[in-house]
Amino acid sequence: MERTEAIAQIEDACKTISLAMMKVMPAVRHLADEETQSDVLKSAHQLTVELEVIKKKMIRLKGRDDSTEL
């Protein structure tokens, strides 16, 4: 697998996770348990932050110039 393919695969997985989280978040308010809702929201936020780190790393990696010419 080439670097560009790996980046594309990782970006696609991040998109899939993001879409899944968009389904989870609205359901949280219907759990009718404040402690669980709070824990789920906190964990979902942490997951989102970490997902954004991965996405930014892929953007930076794509932006690097792999050439050795000056």
C-alpha atoms as a PDB file:
ATOM      1  CA  MET A   1       0.000   0.000   0.000  1.00  0.00           C
ATOM      2  CA  GLU A   2       1.335   3.394  -0.944  1.00  0.00           C
ATOM      3  CA  ARG A   3       1.278   6.396   1.373  1.00  0.00           C
ATOM      4  CA  THR A   4      -1.513   8.105  -0.570  1.00  0.00           C
ATOM      5  CA  GLU A   5      -3.632   4.971  -0.367  1.00  0.00           C
ATOM      6  CA  ALA A   6      -3.025   4.683   3.375  1.00  0.00           C
ATOM      7  CA  ILE A   7      -3.956   8.330   3.908  1.00  0.00           C
ATOM      8  CA  ALA A   8      -7.134   7.892   1.864  1.00  0.00           C
ATOM      9  CA  GLN A   9      -8.078   4.774   3.834  1.00  0.00           C
ATOM     10  CA  ILE A  10      -7.518   6.535   7.164  1.00  0.00           C
ATOM     11  CA  GLU A  11      -9.475   9.595   6.030  1.00  0.00           C
ATOM     12  CA  ASP A  12     -12.341   7.382   4.900  1.00  0.00           C
ATOM     13  CA  ALA A  13     -12.393   5.597   8.260  1.00  0.00           C
ATOM     14  CA  CYS A  14     -12.431   8.965  10.061  1.00  0.00           C
ATOM     15  CA  LYS A  15     -15.393  10.040   7.957  1.00  0.00           C
ATOM     16  CA  THR A  16     -17.240   6.820   8.792  1.00  0.00           C
ATOM     17  CA  ILE A  17     -16.595   7.299  12.502  1.00  0.00           C
ATOM     18  CA  SER A  18     -17.743  10.932  12.320  1.00  0.00           C
ATOM     19  CA  LEU A  19     -20.982   9.926  10.616  1.00  0.00           C
ATOM     20  CA  ALA A  20     -21.607   7.253  13.237  1.00  0.00           C
ATOM     21  CA  MET A  21     -21.044   9.761  16.030  1.00  0.00           C
ATOM     22  CA  MET A  22     -23.660  12.022  14.462  1.00  0.00           C
ATOM     23  CA  LYS A  23     -26.149   9.195  15.062  1.00  0.00           C
ATOM     24  CA  VAL A  24     -25.025   8.547  18.629  1.00  0.00           C
ATOM     25  CA  MET A  25     -25.186  12.110  19.909  1.00  0.00           C
ATOM     26  CA  PRO A  26     -28.917  12.774  19.408  1.00  0.00           C
ATOM     27  CA  ALA A  27     -29.776   9.452  21.049  1.00  0.00           C
ATOM     28  CA  VAL A  28     -27.877  10.295  24.235  1.00  0.00           C
ATOM     29  CA  ARG A  29     -30.522  12.743  25.466  1.00  0.00           C
ATOM     30  CA  HIS A  30     -33.102   9.931  25.451  1.00  0.00           C
ATOM     31  CA  LEU A  31     -31.204   7.676  27.863  1.00  0.00           C
ATOM     32  CA  ALA A  32     -33.052   9.166  30.835  1.00  0.00           C
ATOM     33  CA  ASP A  33     -30.020   8.751  33.081  1.00  0.00           C
ATOM     34  CA  GLU A  34     -28.099  11.928  33.795  1.00  0.00           C
ATOM     35  CA  GLU A  35     -24.892  10.253  34.967  1.00  0.00           C
ATOM     36  CA  THR A  36     -24.733   7.974  31.927  1.00  0.00           C
ATOM     37  CA  GLN A  37     -25.561  10.845  29.594  1.00  0.00           C
ATOM     38  CA  SER A  38     -22.777  12.928  31.091  1.00  0.00           C
ATOM     39  CA  ASP A  39     -20.251  10.106  30.785  1.00  0.00           C
ATOM     40  CA  VAL A  40     -21.252   9.348  27.197  1.00  0.00           C
ATOM     41  CA  LEU A  41     -21.063  13.010  26.191  1.00  0.00           C
ATOM     42  CA  LYS A  42     -17.642  13.379  27.821  1.00  0.00           C
ATOM     43  CA  SER A  43     -16.338  10.259  26.090  1.00  0.00           C
ATOM     44  CA  ALA A  44     -17.838  11.293  22.759  1.00  0.00           C
ATOM     45  CA  HIS A  45     -16.146  14.669  23.066  1.00  0.00           C
ATOM     46  CA  GLN A  46     -12.785  13.017  23.766  1.00  0.00           C
ATOM     47  CA  LEU A  47     -13.269  10.711  20.801  1.00  0.00           C
ATOM     48  CA  THR A  48     -14.073  13.673  18.568  1.00  0.00           C
ATOM     49  CA  VAL A  49     -10.968  15.540  19.710  1.00  0.00           C
ATOM     50  CA  GLU A  50      -8.747  12.526  19.017  1.00  0.00           C
ATOM     51  CA  LEU A  51     -10.405  11.977  15.646  1.00  0.00           C
ATOM     52  CA  GLU A  52      -9.649  15.588  14.710  1.00  0.00           C
ATOM     53  CA  VAL A  53      -5.998  15.032  15.664  1.00  0.00           C
ATOM     54  CA  ILE A  54      -5.828  12.098  13.253  1.00  0.00           C
ATOM     55  CA  LYS A  55      -7.503  14.096  10.475  1.00  0.00           C
ATOM     56  CA  LYS A  56      -5.109  17.033  10.943  1.00  0.00           C
ATOM     57  CA  LYS A  57      -2.113  14.690  10.881  1.00  0.00           C
ATOM     58  CA  MET A  58      -3.303  13.271   7.559  1.00  0.00           C
ATOM     59  CA  ILE A  59      -3.752  16.776   6.123  1.00  0.00           C
ATOM     60  CA  ARG A  60      -0.219  17.701   7.179  1.00  0.00           C
ATOM     61  CA  LEU A  61       1.184  14.466   5.785  1.00  0.00           C
ATOM     62  CA  LYS A  62      -0.536  15.067   2.439  1.00  0.00           C
ATOM     63  CA  GLY A  63       0.924  18.567   2.354  1.00  0.00           C
ATOM     64  CA  ARG A  64       4.516  17.457   2.748  1.00  0.00           C
ATOM     65  CA  ASP A  65       6.701  17.572  -0.286  1.00  0.00           C
ATOM     66  CA  ASP A  66       8.374  14.191  -0.706  1.00  0.00           C
ATOM     67  CA  SER A  67      10.807  15.424  -3.337  1.00  0.00           C
ATOM     68  CA  THR A  68      14.485  15.825  -2.538  1.00  0.00           C
ATOM     69  CA  GLU A  69      14.944  18.684  -4.999  1.00  0.00           C
ATOM     70  CA  LEU A  70      15.449  22.190  -3.680  1.00  0.00           C
END
